[in-house]
Amino acid sequence: MINNIFTLATSFVVGMAMGILNFAGMWSTIHYLSVVKYPSVLIALSYTVRMAIILATFYFVMDGRWEKLLACMVGFFFVRRVLIKRFLPEGFKRTYHSK
């Protein structure tokens, strides 16, 4: 029982780390768009690399158990929700209804 809870908590934390990695990569991509010569290539490459890393991590963390995958995804979306609430501009807060 304790081992199962620890395993799910570890999967949740890994999901949070992947969420932070995803948004840090996205922020870095947006930051460098004005500097690069071909911004569309940067966007496509960044998205592909971020998704490959995230999906590979989810696959290895899952280890054949859907519960671990679910915990990992919950951690990922938890970070997404927190970062959107934290960094959403004031003008958009009226139109973004997160329940």
PDB file of N, CA and C in Angstrom:
ATOM      1  N   MET A   1       0.823  -1.203   0.000  1.00  0.00           N
ATOM      2  CA  MET A   1       0.000   0.000   0.000  1.00  0.00           C
ATOM      3  C   MET A   1       0.866   1.267   0.000  1.00  0.00           C
ATOM      4  N   ILE A   2       1.822   1.318   0.926  1.00  0.00           N
ATOM      5  CA  ILE A   2       2.702   2.488   1.000  1.00  0.00           C
ATOM      6  C   ILE A   2       3.544   2.599  -0.269  1.00  0.00           C
ATOM      7  N   ASN A   3       4.000   1.474  -0.773  1.00  0.00           N
ATOM      8  CA  ASN A   3       4.790   1.473  -1.988  1.00  0.00           C
ATOM      9  C   ASN A   3       3.985   2.005  -3.173  1.00  0.00           C
ATOM     10  N   ASN A   4       2.705   1.625  -3.242  1.00  0.00           N
ATOM     11  CA  ASN A   4       1.838   2.092  -4.322  1.00  0.00           C
ATOM     12  C   ASN A   4       1.629   3.604  -4.240  1.00  0.00           C
ATOM     13  N   ILE A   5       1.415   4.112  -3.032  1.00  0.00           N
ATOM     14  CA  ILE A   5       1.237   5.562  -2.859  1.00  0.00           C
ATOM     15  C   ILE A   5       2.518   6.302  -3.237  1.00  0.00           C
ATOM     16  N   PHE A   6       3.652   5.776  -2.821  1.00  0.00           N
ATOM     17  CA  PHE A   6       4.930   6.396  -3.167  1.00  0.00           C
ATOM     18  C   PHE A   6       5.152   6.391  -4.672  1.00  0.00           C
ATOM     19  N   THR A   7       4.804   5.285  -5.322  1.00  0.00           N
ATOM     20  CA  THR A   7       4.963   5.179  -6.772  1.00  0.00           C
ATOM     21  C   THR A   7       4.084   6.194  -7.493  1.00  0.00           C
ATOM     22  N   LEU A   8       2.846   6.337  -7.052  1.00  0.00           N
ATOM     23  CA  LEU A   8       1.947   7.303  -7.690  1.00  0.00           C
ATOM     24  C   LEU A   8       2.391   8.739  -7.411  1.00  0.00           C
ATOM     25  N   ALA A   9       2.883   8.999  -6.201  1.00  0.00           N
ATOM     26  CA  ALA A   9       3.381  10.339  -5.880  1.00  0.00           C
ATOM     27  C   ALA A   9       4.609  10.667  -6.723  1.00  0.00           C
ATOM     28  N   THR A  10       5.470   9.684  -6.917  1.00  0.00           N
ATOM     29  CA  THR A  10       6.646   9.896  -7.768  1.00  0.00           C
ATOM     30  C   THR A  10       6.226  10.178  -9.208  1.00  0.00           C
ATOM     31  N   SER A  11       5.234   9.460  -9.694  1.00  0.00           N
ATOM     32  CA  SER A  11       4.731   9.699 -11.052  1.00  0.00           C
ATOM     33  C   SER A  11       4.137  11.097 -11.162  1.00  0.00           C
ATOM     34  N   PHE A  12       3.428  11.533 -10.131  1.00  0.00           N
ATOM     35  CA  PHE A  12       2.854  12.875 -10.113  1.00  0.00           C
ATOM     36  C   PHE A  12       3.956  13.934 -10.190  1.00  0.00           C
ATOM     37  N   VAL A  13       5.015  13.755  -9.417  1.00  0.00           N
ATOM     38  CA  VAL A  13       6.127  14.714  -9.406  1.00  0.00           C
ATOM     39  C   VAL A  13       6.841  14.727 -10.756  1.00  0.00           C
ATOM     40  N   VAL A  14       7.018  13.562 -11.356  1.00  0.00           N
ATOM     41  CA  VAL A  14       7.633  13.509 -12.685  1.00  0.00           C
ATOM     42  C   VAL A  14       6.746  14.240 -13.695  1.00  0.00           C
ATOM     43  N   GLY A  15       5.435  14.072 -13.586  1.00  0.00           N
ATOM     44  CA  GLY A  15       4.515  14.796 -14.460  1.00  0.00           C
ATOM     45  C   GLY A  15       4.626  16.303 -14.273  1.00  0.00           C
ATOM     46  N   MET A  16       4.782  16.727 -13.019  1.00  0.00           N
ATOM     47  CA  MET A  16       4.973  18.159 -12.763  1.00  0.00           C
ATOM     48  C   MET A  16       6.273  18.655 -13.396  1.00  0.00           C
ATOM     49  N   ALA A  17       7.325  17.862 -13.280  1.00  0.00           N
ATOM     50  CA  ALA A  17       8.608  18.246 -13.892  1.00  0.00           C
ATOM     51  C   ALA A  17       8.476  18.351 -15.407  1.00  0.00           C
ATOM     52  N   MET A  18       7.723  17.434 -16.009  1.00  0.00           N
ATOM     53  CA  MET A  18       7.513  17.489 -17.456  1.00  0.00           C
ATOM     54  C   MET A  18       6.679  18.713 -17.835  1.00  0.00           C
ATOM     55  N   GLY A  19       5.726  19.087 -17.003  1.00  0.00           N
ATOM     56  CA  GLY A  19       4.948  20.296 -17.259  1.00  0.00           C
ATOM     57  C   GLY A  19       5.818  21.537 -17.209  1.00  0.00           C
ATOM     58  N   ILE A  20       6.700  21.594 -16.228  1.00  0.00           N
ATOM     59  CA  ILE A  20       7.622  22.730 -16.121  1.00  0.00           C
ATOM     60  C   ILE A  20       8.564  22.753 -17.319  1.00  0.00           C
ATOM     61  N   LEU A  21       9.079  21.591 -17.706  1.00  0.00           N
ATOM     62  CA  LEU A  21       9.951  21.506 -18.877  1.00  0.00           C
ATOM     63  C   LEU A  21       9.222  21.971 -20.138  1.00  0.00           C
ATOM     64  N   ASN A  22       7.972  21.551 -20.284  1.00  0.00           N
ATOM     65  CA  ASN A  22       7.201  21.933 -21.462  1.00  0.00           C
ATOM     66  C   ASN A  22       7.012  23.448 -21.531  1.00  0.00           C
ATOM     67  N   PHE A  23       6.603  24.058 -20.431  1.00  0.00           N
ATOM     68  CA  PHE A  23       6.365  25.495 -20.460  1.00  0.00           C
ATOM     69  C   PHE A  23       7.663  26.294 -20.521  1.00  0.00           C
ATOM     70  N   ALA A  24       8.739  25.790 -19.932  1.00  0.00           N
ATOM     71  CA  ALA A  24      10.029  26.472 -20.052  1.00  0.00           C
ATOM     72  C   ALA A  24      10.515  26.426 -21.494  1.00  0.00           C
ATOM     73  N   GLY A  25      10.330  25.286 -22.150  1.00  0.00           N
ATOM     74  CA  GLY A  25      10.702  25.179 -23.559  1.00  0.00           C
ATOM     75  C   GLY A  25       9.856  26.072 -24.441  1.00  0.00           C
ATOM     76  N   MET A  26       8.572  26.148 -24.132  1.00  0.00           N
ATOM     77  CA  MET A  26       7.693  27.017 -24.906  1.00  0.00           C
ATOM     78  C   MET A  26       8.072  28.491 -24.713  1.00  0.00           C
ATOM     79  N   TRP A  27       8.375  28.866 -23.465  1.00  0.00           N
ATOM     80  CA  TRP A  27       8.778  30.239 -23.189  1.00  0.00           C
ATOM     81  C   TRP A  27      10.080  30.560 -23.919  1.00  0.00           C
ATOM     82  N   SER A  28      11.025  29.642 -23.897  1.00  0.00           N
ATOM     83  CA  SER A  28      12.298  29.845 -24.577  1.00  0.00           C
ATOM     84  C   SER A  28      12.092  29.996 -26.085  1.00  0.00           C
ATOM     85  N   THR A  29      11.206  29.189 -26.637  1.00  0.00           N
ATOM     86  CA  THR A  29      10.914  29.279 -28.072  1.00  0.00           C
ATOM     87  C   THR A  29      10.333  30.638 -28.415  1.00  0.00           C
ATOM     88  N   ILE A  30       9.366  31.079 -27.660  1.00  0.00           N
ATOM     89  CA  ILE A  30       8.733  32.376 -27.919  1.00  0.00           C
ATOM     90  C   ILE A  30       9.740  33.505 -27.748  1.00  0.00           C
ATOM     91  N   HIS A  31      10.606  33.368 -26.770  1.00  0.00           N
ATOM     92  CA  HIS A  31      11.619  34.394 -26.505  1.00  0.00           C
ATOM     93  C   HIS A  31      12.564  34.566 -27.696  1.00  0.00           C
ATOM     94  N   TYR A  32      12.913  33.468 -28.369  1.00  0.00           N
ATOM     95  CA  TYR A  32      13.880  33.526 -29.465  1.00  0.00           C
ATOM     96  C   TYR A  32      13.245  33.685 -30.849  1.00  0.00           C
ATOM     97  N   LEU A  33      11.946  33.811 -30.937  1.00  0.00           N
ATOM     98  CA  LEU A  33      11.307  33.931 -32.253  1.00  0.00           C
ATOM     99  C   LEU A  33      11.769  35.159 -33.029  1.00  0.00           C
ATOM    100  N   SER A  34      11.990  36.255 -32.339  1.00  0.00           N
ATOM    101  CA  SER A  34      12.388  37.473 -33.038  1.00  0.00           C
ATOM    102  C   SER A  34      13.858  37.460 -33.446  1.00  0.00           C
ATOM    103  N   VAL A  35      14.633  36.517 -32.950  1.00  0.00           N
ATOM    104  CA  VAL A  35      16.069  36.480 -33.209  1.00  0.00           C
ATOM    105  C   VAL A  35      16.413  35.574 -34.382  1.00  0.00           C
ATOM    106  N   VAL A  36      15.688  34.475 -34.546  1.00  0.00           N
ATOM    107  CA  VAL A  36      16.052  33.479 -35.554  1.00  0.00           C
ATOM    108  C   VAL A  36      15.595  33.901 -36.944  1.00  0.00           C
ATOM    109  N   LYS A  37      16.248  33.334 -37.940  1.00  0.00           N
ATOM    110  CA  LYS A  37      15.929  33.675 -39.324  1.00  0.00           C
ATOM    111  C   LYS A  37      14.651  32.988 -39.795  1.00  0.00           C
ATOM    112  N   TYR A  38      14.437  31.742 -39.353  1.00  0.00           N
ATOM    113  CA  TYR A  38      13.256  30.976 -39.755  1.00  0.00           C
ATOM    114  C   TYR A  38      12.451  30.592 -38.512  1.00  0.00           C
ATOM    115  N   PRO A  39      11.561  31.462 -38.064  1.00  0.00           N
ATOM    116  CA  PRO A  39      10.819  31.172 -36.829  1.00  0.00           C
ATOM    117  C   PRO A  39       9.900  29.957 -36.934  1.00  0.00           C
ATOM    118  N   SER A  40       9.371  29.681 -38.109  1.00  0.00           N
ATOM    119  CA  SER A  40       8.479  28.525 -38.229  1.00  0.00           C
ATOM    120  C   SER A  40       9.230  27.211 -37.996  1.00  0.00           C
ATOM    121  N   VAL A  41      10.485  27.163 -38.420  1.00  0.00           N
ATOM    122  CA  VAL A  41      11.303  25.974 -38.184  1.00  0.00           C
ATOM    123  C   VAL A  41      11.575  25.823 -36.687  1.00  0.00           C
ATOM    124  N   LEU A  42      11.839  26.926 -36.021  1.00  0.00           N
ATOM    125  CA  LEU A  42      12.072  26.895 -34.579  1.00  0.00           C
ATOM    126  C   LEU A  42      10.831  26.397 -33.844  1.00  0.00           C
ATOM    127  N   ILE A  43       9.663  26.876 -34.228  1.00  0.00           N
ATOM    128  CA  ILE A  43       8.422  26.454 -33.581  1.00  0.00           C
ATOM    129  C   ILE A  43       8.199  24.957 -33.785  1.00  0.00           C
ATOM    130  N   ALA A  44       8.344  24.499 -35.020  1.00  0.00           N
ATOM    131  CA  ALA A  44       8.122  23.081 -35.320  1.00  0.00           C
ATOM    132  C   ALA A  44       9.139  22.192 -34.610  1.00  0.00           C
ATOM    133  N   LEU A  45      10.392  22.581 -34.623  1.00  0.00           N
ATOM    134  CA  LEU A  45      11.427  21.786 -33.976  1.00  0.00           C
ATOM    135  C   LEU A  45      11.245  21.762 -32.462  1.00  0.00           C
ATOM    136  N   SER A  46      10.931  22.902 -31.891  1.00  0.00           N
ATOM    137  CA  SER A  46      10.719  22.976 -30.449  1.00  0.00           C
ATOM    138  C   SER A  46       9.551  22.097 -30.022  1.00  0.00           C
ATOM    139  N   TYR A  47       8.453  22.183 -30.746  1.00  0.00           N
ATOM    140  CA  TYR A  47       7.285  21.374 -30.424  1.00  0.00           C
ATOM    141  C   TYR A  47       7.596  19.885 -30.540  1.00  0.00           C
ATOM    142  N   THR A  48       8.278  19.503 -31.600  1.00  0.00           N
ATOM    143  CA  THR A  48       8.602  18.097 -31.825  1.00  0.00           C
ATOM    144  C   THR A  48       9.512  17.559 -30.719  1.00  0.00           C
ATOM    145  N   VAL A  49      10.534  18.313 -30.365  1.00  0.00           N
ATOM    146  CA  VAL A  49      11.462  17.868 -29.328  1.00  0.00           C
ATOM    147  C   VAL A  49      10.760  17.799 -27.974  1.00  0.00           C
ATOM    148  N   ARG A  50       9.984  18.826 -27.635  1.00  0.00           N
ATOM    149  CA  ARG A  50       9.273  18.814 -26.347  1.00  0.00           C
ATOM    150  C   ARG A  50       8.304  17.645 -26.251  1.00  0.00           C
ATOM    151  N   MET A  51       7.540  17.398 -27.317  1.00  0.00           N
ATOM    152  CA  MET A  51       6.586  16.293 -27.289  1.00  0.00           C
ATOM    153  C   MET A  51       7.281  14.942 -27.241  1.00  0.00           C
ATOM    154  N   ALA A  52       8.394  14.804 -27.954  1.00  0.00           N
ATOM    155  CA  ALA A  52       9.138  13.536 -27.923  1.00  0.00           C
ATOM    156  C   ALA A  52       9.658  13.250 -26.513  1.00  0.00           C
ATOM    157  N   ILE A  53      10.197  14.261 -25.865  1.00  0.00           N
ATOM    158  CA  ILE A  53      10.707  14.080 -24.501  1.00  0.00           C
ATOM    159  C   ILE A  53       9.572  13.750 -23.540  1.00  0.00           C
ATOM    160  N   ILE A  54       8.473  14.477 -23.639  1.00  0.00           N
ATOM    161  CA  ILE A  54       7.349  14.266 -22.726  1.00  0.00           C
ATOM    162  C   ILE A  54       6.720  12.891 -22.942  1.00  0.00           C
ATOM    163  N   LEU A  55       6.466  12.532 -24.190  1.00  0.00           N
ATOM    164  CA  LEU A  55       5.845  11.231 -24.455  1.00  0.00           C
ATOM    165  C   LEU A  55       6.762  10.073 -24.064  1.00  0.00           C
ATOM    166  N   ALA A  56       8.051  10.200 -24.317  1.00  0.00           N
ATOM    167  CA  ALA A  56       8.987   9.149 -23.913  1.00  0.00           C
ATOM    168  C   ALA A  56       9.033   9.022 -22.392  1.00  0.00           C
ATOM    169  N   THR A  57       9.031  10.146 -21.710  1.00  0.00           N
ATOM    170  CA  THR A  57       9.033  10.113 -20.248  1.00  0.00           C
ATOM    171  C   THR A  57       7.756   9.488 -19.711  1.00  0.00           C
ATOM    172  N   PHE A  58       6.611   9.879 -20.267  1.00  0.00           N
ATOM    173  CA  PHE A  58       5.339   9.277 -19.842  1.00  0.00           C
ATOM    174  C   PHE A  58       5.366   7.765 -20.066  1.00  0.00           C
ATOM    175  N   TYR A  59       5.908   7.339 -21.191  1.00  0.00           N
ATOM    176  CA  TYR A  59       5.964   5.912 -21.509  1.00  0.00           C
ATOM    177  C   TYR A  59       6.819   5.149 -20.498  1.00  0.00           C
ATOM    178  N   PHE A  60       7.992   5.693 -20.177  1.00  0.00           N
ATOM    179  CA  PHE A  60       8.877   5.001 -19.244  1.00  0.00           C
ATOM    180  C   PHE A  60       8.359   5.058 -17.809  1.00  0.00           C
ATOM    181  N   VAL A  61       7.746   6.157 -17.426  1.00  0.00           N
ATOM    182  CA  VAL A  61       7.172   6.258 -16.081  1.00  0.00           C
ATOM    183  C   VAL A  61       5.987   5.317 -15.945  1.00  0.00           C
ATOM    184  N   MET A  62       5.204   5.191 -16.993  1.00  0.00           N
ATOM    185  CA  MET A  62       4.002   4.358 -16.964  1.00  0.00           C
ATOM    186  C   MET A  62       4.324   2.908 -16.609  1.00  0.00           C
ATOM    187  N   ASP A  63       5.344   2.347 -17.217  1.00  0.00           N
ATOM    188  CA  ASP A  63       5.783   0.986 -16.936  1.00  0.00           C
ATOM    189  C   ASP A  63       4.633  -0.020 -17.018  1.00  0.00           C
ATOM    190  N   GLY A  64       3.737   0.199 -17.968  1.00  0.00           N
ATOM    191  CA  GLY A  64       2.636  -0.728 -18.195  1.00  0.00           C
ATOM    192  C   GLY A  64       1.445  -0.569 -17.275  1.00  0.00           C
ATOM    193  N   ARG A  65       1.456   0.435 -16.428  1.00  0.00           N
ATOM    194  CA  ARG A  65       0.338   0.638 -15.492  1.00  0.00           C
ATOM    195  C   ARG A  65      -0.345   1.965 -15.779  1.00  0.00           C
ATOM    196  N   TRP A  66      -1.635   1.903 -16.038  1.00  0.00           N
ATOM    197  CA  TRP A  66      -2.382   3.110 -16.387  1.00  0.00           C
ATOM    198  C   TRP A  66      -2.479   4.065 -15.212  1.00  0.00           C
ATOM    199  N   GLU A  67      -2.415   3.577 -13.975  1.00  0.00           N
ATOM    200  CA  GLU A  67      -2.509   4.446 -12.803  1.00  0.00           C
ATOM    201  C   GLU A  67      -1.320   5.403 -12.731  1.00  0.00           C
ATOM    202  N   LYS A  68      -0.145   4.880 -13.070  1.00  0.00           N
ATOM    203  CA  LYS A  68       1.042   5.722 -13.053  1.00  0.00           C
ATOM    204  C   LYS A  68       0.989   6.767 -14.168  1.00  0.00           C
ATOM    205  N   LEU A  69       0.470   6.365 -15.324  1.00  0.00           N
ATOM    206  CA  LEU A  69       0.313   7.319 -16.422  1.00  0.00           C
ATOM    207  C   LEU A  69      -0.676   8.411 -16.034  1.00  0.00           C
ATOM    208  N   LEU A  70      -1.769   8.027 -15.399  1.00  0.00           N
ATOM    209  CA  LEU A  70      -2.767   9.007 -14.974  1.00  0.00           C
ATOM    210  C   LEU A  70      -2.185   9.990 -13.961  1.00  0.00           C
ATOM    211  N   ALA A  71      -1.426   9.478 -12.990  1.00  0.00           N
ATOM    212  CA  ALA A  71      -0.798  10.354 -11.998  1.00  0.00           C
ATOM    213  C   ALA A  71       0.183  11.311 -12.661  1.00  0.00           C
ATOM    214  N   CYS A  72       0.915  10.825 -13.637  1.00  0.00           N
ATOM    215  CA  CYS A  72       1.876  11.660 -14.361  1.00  0.00           C
ATOM    216  C   CYS A  72       1.155  12.765 -15.141  1.00  0.00           C
ATOM    217  N   MET A  73       0.067  12.403 -15.790  1.00  0.00           N
ATOM    218  CA  MET A  73      -0.690  13.390 -16.559  1.00  0.00           C
ATOM    219  C   MET A  73      -1.375  14.406 -15.650  1.00  0.00           C
ATOM    220  N   VAL A  74      -1.847  13.967 -14.504  1.00  0.00           N
ATOM    221  CA  VAL A  74      -2.453  14.900 -13.546  1.00  0.00           C
ATOM    222  C   VAL A  74      -1.408  15.919 -13.083  1.00  0.00           C
ATOM    223  N   GLY A  75      -0.189  15.462 -12.806  1.00  0.00           N
ATOM    224  CA  GLY A  75       0.889  16.386 -12.440  1.00  0.00           C
ATOM    225  C   GLY A  75       1.205  17.366 -13.552  1.00  0.00           C
ATOM    226  N   PHE A  76       1.213  16.876 -14.777  1.00  0.00           N
ATOM    227  CA  PHE A  76       1.480  17.730 -15.941  1.00  0.00           C
ATOM    228  C   PHE A  76       0.417  18.823 -16.058  1.00  0.00           C
ATOM    229  N   PHE A  77      -0.846  18.433 -15.984  1.00  0.00           N
ATOM    230  CA  PHE A  77      -1.924  19.404 -16.134  1.00  0.00           C
ATOM    231  C   PHE A  77      -2.088  20.297 -14.907  1.00  0.00           C
ATOM    232  N   PHE A  78      -1.656  19.817 -13.753  1.00  0.00           N
ATOM    233  CA  PHE A  78      -1.655  20.658 -12.560  1.00  0.00           C
ATOM    234  C   PHE A  78      -0.710  21.840 -12.755  1.00  0.00           C
ATOM    235  N   VAL A  79       0.491  21.558 -13.250  1.00  0.00           N
ATOM    236  CA  VAL A  79       1.456  22.633 -13.515  1.00  0.00           C
ATOM    237  C   VAL A  79       0.913  23.578 -14.575  1.00  0.00           C
ATOM    238  N   ARG A  80       0.289  23.042 -15.594  1.00  0.00           N
ATOM    239  CA  ARG A  80      -0.298  23.871 -16.648  1.00  0.00           C
ATOM    240  C   ARG A  80      -1.309  24.840 -16.062  1.00  0.00           C
ATOM    241  N   ARG A  81      -2.190  24.326 -15.221  1.00  0.00           N
ATOM    242  CA  ARG A  81      -3.228  25.159 -14.621  1.00  0.00           C
ATOM    243  C   ARG A  81      -2.634  26.247 -13.715  1.00  0.00           C
ATOM    244  N   VAL A  82      -1.653  25.865 -12.912  1.00  0.00           N
ATOM    245  CA  VAL A  82      -1.022  26.827 -12.008  1.00  0.00           C
ATOM    246  C   VAL A  82      -0.310  27.919 -12.794  1.00  0.00           C
ATOM    247  N   LEU A  83       0.443  27.537 -13.833  1.00  0.00           N
ATOM    248  CA  LEU A  83       1.180  28.534 -14.600  1.00  0.00           C
ATOM    249  C   LEU A  83       0.250  29.444 -15.397  1.00  0.00           C
ATOM    250  N   ILE A  84      -0.831  28.908 -15.912  1.00  0.00           N
ATOM    251  CA  ILE A  84      -1.782  29.758 -16.629  1.00  0.00           C
ATOM    252  C   ILE A  84      -2.418  30.755 -15.678  1.00  0.00           C
ATOM    253  N   LYS A  85      -2.816  30.310 -14.506  1.00  0.00           N
ATOM    254  CA  LYS A  85      -3.405  31.235 -13.534  1.00  0.00           C
ATOM    255  C   LYS A  85      -2.390  32.291 -13.095  1.00  0.00           C
ATOM    256  N   ARG A  86      -1.128  31.885 -12.975  1.00  0.00           N
ATOM    257  CA  ARG A  86      -0.099  32.802 -12.478  1.00  0.00           C
ATOM    258  C   ARG A  86       0.314  33.835 -13.526  1.00  0.00           C
ATOM    259  N   PHE A  87       0.452  33.426 -14.777  1.00  0.00           N
ATOM    260  CA  PHE A  87       1.027  34.311 -15.784  1.00  0.00           C
ATOM    261  C   PHE A  87       0.039  34.833 -16.810  1.00  0.00           C
ATOM    262  N   LEU A  88      -1.224  34.538 -16.674  1.00  0.00           N
ATOM    263  CA  LEU A  88      -2.210  35.031 -17.627  1.00  0.00           C
ATOM    264  C   LEU A  88      -2.351  36.545 -17.458  1.00  0.00           C
ATOM    265  N   PRO A  89      -2.270  37.324 -18.534  1.00  0.00           N
ATOM    266  CA  PRO A  89      -2.410  38.776 -18.418  1.00  0.00           C
ATOM    267  C   PRO A  89      -3.776  39.154 -17.850  1.00  0.00           C
ATOM    268  N   GLU A  90      -3.826  40.289 -17.196  1.00  0.00           N
ATOM    269  CA  GLU A  90      -5.039  40.731 -16.500  1.00  0.00           C
ATOM    270  C   GLU A  90      -6.235  40.855 -17.435  1.00  0.00           C
ATOM    271  N   GLY A  91      -6.022  41.317 -18.657  1.00  0.00           N
ATOM    272  CA  GLY A  91      -7.122  41.483 -19.601  1.00  0.00           C
ATOM    273  C   GLY A  91      -7.769  40.176 -20.002  1.00  0.00           C
ATOM    274  N   PHE A  92      -7.018  39.087 -19.959  1.00  0.00           N
ATOM    275  CA  PHE A  92      -7.552  37.784 -20.344  1.00  0.00           C
ATOM    276  C   PHE A  92      -8.223  37.065 -19.185  1.00  0.00           C
ATOM    277  N   LYS A  93      -8.015  37.510 -17.979  1.00  0.00           N
ATOM    278  CA  LYS A  93      -8.554  36.811 -16.814  1.00  0.00           C
ATOM    279  C   LYS A  93     -10.075  36.855 -16.785  1.00  0.00           C
ATOM    280  N   ARG A  94     -10.656  37.859 -17.410  1.00  0.00           N
ATOM    281  CA  ARG A  94     -12.119  37.933 -17.452  1.00  0.00           C
ATOM    282  C   ARG A  94     -12.710  36.911 -18.423  1.00  0.00           C
ATOM    283  N   THR A  95     -11.969  36.583 -19.477  1.00  0.00           N
ATOM    284  CA  THR A  95     -12.491  35.661 -20.483  1.00  0.00           C
ATOM    285  C   THR A  95     -12.054  34.219 -20.233  1.00  0.00           C
ATOM    286  N   TYR A  96     -11.034  34.004 -19.402  1.00  0.00           N
ATOM    287  CA  TYR A  96     -10.562  32.652 -19.112  1.00  0.00           C
ATOM    288  C   TYR A  96     -11.254  32.172 -17.848  1.00  0.00           C
ATOM    289  N   HIS A  97     -12.232  31.306 -18.012  1.00  0.00           N
ATOM    290  CA  HIS A  97     -12.979  30.798 -16.866  1.00  0.00           C
ATOM    291  C   HIS A  97     -12.479  29.406 -16.547  1.00  0.00           C
ATOM    292  N   SER A  98     -11.619  29.309 -15.554  1.00  0.00           N
ATOM    293  CA  SER A  98     -11.169  27.989 -15.127  1.00  0.00           C
ATOM    294  C   SER A  98     -11.931  27.610 -13.867  1.00  0.00           C
ATOM    295  N   LYS A  99     -12.543  26.466 -13.938  1.00  0.00           N
ATOM    296  CA  LYS A  99     -13.363  26.043 -12.815  1.00  0.00           C
ATOM    297  C   LYS A  99     -12.665  25.015 -11.995  1.00  0.00           C
TER     298      LYS A  99
END
